[in-house]
Amino acid sequence: MKVGRRTVFMVILAALAALVLYLALRNPQASLLPADETHAGMVIIQECMSCHGPDEGAPQGPNHPISRQCMSCHSR
């Protein structure tokens, strides 16, 4: 059975679309910093961890990646 160029093109296009969809869904975007007085001007990890540390009032969730670079994911 001979496979035409159009069929090959459609298969490649479908594979690329599936790859883009997979990459978009596997890495959800982090939440933005709240636009409130508490979070205004925060730029260093110690400021974040003073509330979001493991023994603080609003600790990071159990599924939060282990990272100490808050602003690389969370922004305004």
C-alpha atoms as a PDB file:
ATOM      1  CA  MET A   1       0.000   0.000   0.000  1.00  0.00           C
ATOM      2  CA  LYS A   2       1.396   3.325  -1.063  1.00  0.00           C
ATOM      3  CA  VAL A   3       1.113   6.226   1.399  1.00  0.00           C
ATOM      4  CA  GLY A   4       0.686   9.622  -0.188  1.00  0.00           C
ATOM      5  CA  ARG A   5       2.473  12.828   0.718  1.00  0.00           C
ATOM      6  CA  ARG A   6      -0.722  14.364   2.005  1.00  0.00           C
ATOM      7  CA  THR A   7      -1.269  11.480   4.441  1.00  0.00           C
ATOM      8  CA  VAL A   8       2.305  11.762   5.755  1.00  0.00           C
ATOM      9  CA  PHE A   9       1.875  15.517   6.157  1.00  0.00           C
ATOM     10  CA  MET A  10      -1.377  15.081   8.095  1.00  0.00           C
ATOM     11  CA  VAL A  11       0.181  12.474  10.420  1.00  0.00           C
ATOM     12  CA  ILE A  12       3.139  14.756  11.140  1.00  0.00           C
ATOM     13  CA  LEU A  13       0.814  17.703  11.729  1.00  0.00           C
ATOM     14  CA  ALA A  14      -1.335  15.659  14.125  1.00  0.00           C
ATOM     15  CA  ALA A  15       1.762  14.480  16.015  1.00  0.00           C
ATOM     16  CA  LEU A  16       3.008  18.058  16.388  1.00  0.00           C
ATOM     17  CA  ALA A  17      -0.400  19.207  17.599  1.00  0.00           C
ATOM     18  CA  ALA A  18      -0.459  16.395  20.174  1.00  0.00           C
ATOM     19  CA  LEU A  19       3.045  17.324  21.345  1.00  0.00           C
ATOM     20  CA  VAL A  20       2.128  21.001  21.753  1.00  0.00           C
ATOM     21  CA  LEU A  21      -1.011  20.063  23.685  1.00  0.00           C
ATOM     22  CA  TYR A  22       0.928  17.704  25.956  1.00  0.00           C
ATOM     23  CA  LEU A  23       3.586  20.329  26.712  1.00  0.00           C
ATOM     24  CA  ALA A  24       0.969  22.981  27.415  1.00  0.00           C
ATOM     25  CA  LEU A  25      -0.973  20.788  29.846  1.00  0.00           C
ATOM     26  CA  ARG A  26       1.870  19.163  31.753  1.00  0.00           C
ATOM     27  CA  ASN A  27       3.254  22.395  33.196  1.00  0.00           C
ATOM     28  CA  PRO A  28       0.473  24.556  34.588  1.00  0.00           C
ATOM     29  CA  GLN A  29       1.320  28.191  35.088  1.00  0.00           C
ATOM     30  CA  ALA A  30       2.008  29.300  38.655  1.00  0.00           C
ATOM     31  CA  SER A  31      -0.344  31.740  40.280  1.00  0.00           C
ATOM     32  CA  LEU A  32       0.436  35.435  40.202  1.00  0.00           C
ATOM     33  CA  LEU A  33       1.387  37.352  43.314  1.00  0.00           C
ATOM     34  CA  PRO A  34      -1.652  39.002  44.861  1.00  0.00           C
ATOM     35  CA  ALA A  35      -1.837  42.733  44.216  1.00  0.00           C
ATOM     36  CA  ASP A  36      -2.156  43.622  47.876  1.00  0.00           C
ATOM     37  CA  GLU A  37      -0.151  45.539  50.464  1.00  0.00           C
ATOM     38  CA  THR A  38       1.369  42.374  51.946  1.00  0.00           C
ATOM     39  CA  HIS A  39       2.949  41.255  48.664  1.00  0.00           C
ATOM     40  CA  ALA A  40       3.875  44.697  47.307  1.00  0.00           C
ATOM     41  CA  GLY A  41       7.603  44.998  46.666  1.00  0.00           C
ATOM     42  CA  MET A  42       8.539  41.410  47.558  1.00  0.00           C
ATOM     43  CA  VAL A  43      11.694  40.388  45.744  1.00  0.00           C
ATOM     44  CA  ILE A  44      13.667  37.968  47.928  1.00  0.00           C
ATOM     45  CA  ILE A  45      12.988  34.446  49.159  1.00  0.00           C
ATOM     46  CA  GLN A  46      13.134  35.378  52.857  1.00  0.00           C
ATOM     47  CA  GLU A  47      10.164  37.686  52.401  1.00  0.00           C
ATOM     48  CA  CYS A  48       8.112  34.885  50.843  1.00  0.00           C
ATOM     49  CA  MET A  49       9.143  32.218  53.320  1.00  0.00           C
ATOM     50  CA  SER A  50       8.295  34.400  56.322  1.00  0.00           C
ATOM     51  CA  CYS A  51       4.646  33.473  55.573  1.00  0.00           C
ATOM     52  CA  HIS A  52       4.940  30.490  53.223  1.00  0.00           C
ATOM     53  CA  GLY A  53       7.606  28.477  55.048  1.00  0.00           C
ATOM     54  CA  PRO A  54       6.725  24.985  56.368  1.00  0.00           C
ATOM     55  CA  ASP A  55       5.992  26.169  59.917  1.00  0.00           C
ATOM     56  CA  GLU A  56       4.345  29.483  59.029  1.00  0.00           C
ATOM     57  CA  GLY A  57       0.730  30.620  58.747  1.00  0.00           C
ATOM     58  CA  ALA A  58       0.307  29.998  55.001  1.00  0.00           C
ATOM     59  CA  PRO A  59       2.735  27.188  54.081  1.00  0.00           C
ATOM     60  CA  GLN A  60       3.284  26.031  50.514  1.00  0.00           C
ATOM     61  CA  GLY A  61       0.992  23.180  49.462  1.00  0.00           C
ATOM     62  CA  PRO A  62       2.121  19.550  49.510  1.00  0.00           C
ATOM     63  CA  ASN A  63       2.429  19.470  45.693  1.00  0.00           C
ATOM     64  CA  HIS A  64       4.510  22.643  45.481  1.00  0.00           C
ATOM     65  CA  PRO A  65       7.895  21.972  43.846  1.00  0.00           C
ATOM     66  CA  ILE A  66      10.927  22.306  46.083  1.00  0.00           C
ATOM     67  CA  SER A  67      12.356  25.609  44.949  1.00  0.00           C
ATOM     68  CA  ARG A  68      13.746  28.689  46.540  1.00  0.00           C
ATOM     69  CA  GLN A  69      13.301  30.931  43.507  1.00  0.00           C
ATOM     70  CA  CYS A  70       9.758  32.178  44.038  1.00  0.00           C
ATOM     71  CA  MET A  71       9.890  34.984  41.486  1.00  0.00           C
ATOM     72  CA  SER A  72      10.954  32.676  38.664  1.00  0.00           C
ATOM     73  CA  CYS A  73       7.413  31.204  38.656  1.00  0.00           C
ATOM     74  CA  HIS A  74       5.283  33.704  40.572  1.00  0.00           C
ATOM     75  CA  SER A  75       5.150  37.204  39.153  1.00  0.00           C
ATOM     76  CA  ARG A  76       2.868  40.199  38.970  1.00  0.00           C
END
